[in-house]
């Protein structure tokens, strides 16, 4: 499960880095 969350987090960072930069 942790792995899936990590992958999603990376995916979001690639699509919306500004959102993750918060």
N, C-alpha and C. Protein backbone atom coordinates (compact mmCIF):
# COMPACT_ATOMS: atom_id res chain seq x y z
N UNK A 1 0.85 -1.21 0.00
CA UNK A 1 0.00 0.00 0.00
C UNK A 1 0.88 1.25 0.00
N UNK A 2 1.90 1.23 0.83
CA UNK A 2 2.80 2.39 0.90
C UNK A 2 3.42 2.66 -0.48
N UNK A 3 3.76 1.58 -1.16
CA UNK A 3 4.37 1.73 -2.48
C UNK A 3 3.41 2.45 -3.43
N UNK A 4 2.16 2.07 -3.40
CA UNK A 4 1.16 2.69 -4.28
C UNK A 4 1.05 4.18 -3.98
N UNK A 5 1.01 4.52 -2.70
CA UNK A 5 0.89 5.93 -2.31
C UNK A 5 2.10 6.72 -2.83
N UNK A 6 3.28 6.12 -2.71
CA UNK A 6 4.50 6.80 -3.17
C UNK A 6 4.43 7.04 -4.67
N UNK A 7 4.00 6.03 -5.41
CA UNK A 7 3.92 6.16 -6.87
C UNK A 7 2.94 7.27 -7.23
N UNK A 8 1.82 7.32 -6.57
CA UNK A 8 0.81 8.35 -6.85
C UNK A 8 1.38 9.72 -6.53
N UNK A 9 2.08 9.84 -5.43
CA UNK A 9 2.65 11.12 -5.01
C UNK A 9 3.63 11.62 -6.08
N UNK A 10 4.45 10.72 -6.59
CA UNK A 10 5.42 11.09 -7.63
C UNK A 10 4.69 11.51 -8.89
N UNK A 11 3.63 10.78 -9.24
CA UNK A 11 2.86 11.07 -10.45
C UNK A 11 2.27 12.48 -10.34
N UNK A 12 1.69 12.79 -9.20
CA UNK A 12 1.08 14.10 -9.00
C UNK A 12 2.14 15.19 -9.08
N UNK A 13 3.32 14.91 -8.52
CA UNK A 13 4.40 15.90 -8.53
C UNK A 13 4.83 16.19 -9.97
N UNK A 14 4.76 15.18 -10.82
CA UNK A 14 5.16 15.35 -12.22
C UNK A 14 4.10 16.16 -12.98
N UNK A 15 2.83 15.94 -12.63
CA UNK A 15 1.74 16.63 -13.32
C UNK A 15 1.52 18.03 -12.73
N UNK A 16 1.47 18.11 -11.42
CA UNK A 16 1.23 19.40 -10.75
C UNK A 16 2.29 19.63 -9.68
N UNK A 17 3.49 20.03 -10.07
CA UNK A 17 4.57 20.27 -9.12
C UNK A 17 4.23 21.42 -8.17
N UNK A 18 3.48 22.38 -8.65
CA UNK A 18 3.12 23.53 -7.81
C UNK A 18 2.28 23.06 -6.62
N UNK A 19 1.38 22.13 -6.88
CA UNK A 19 0.51 21.62 -5.82
C UNK A 19 1.34 20.92 -4.75
N UNK A 20 2.33 20.14 -5.20
CA UNK A 20 3.17 19.40 -4.26
C UNK A 20 4.12 20.36 -3.55
N UNK A 21 4.46 21.48 -4.23
CA UNK A 21 5.39 22.45 -3.66
C UNK A 21 4.80 23.15 -2.45
N UNK A 22 3.49 23.02 -2.28
CA UNK A 22 2.84 23.64 -1.13
C UNK A 22 3.37 23.00 0.13
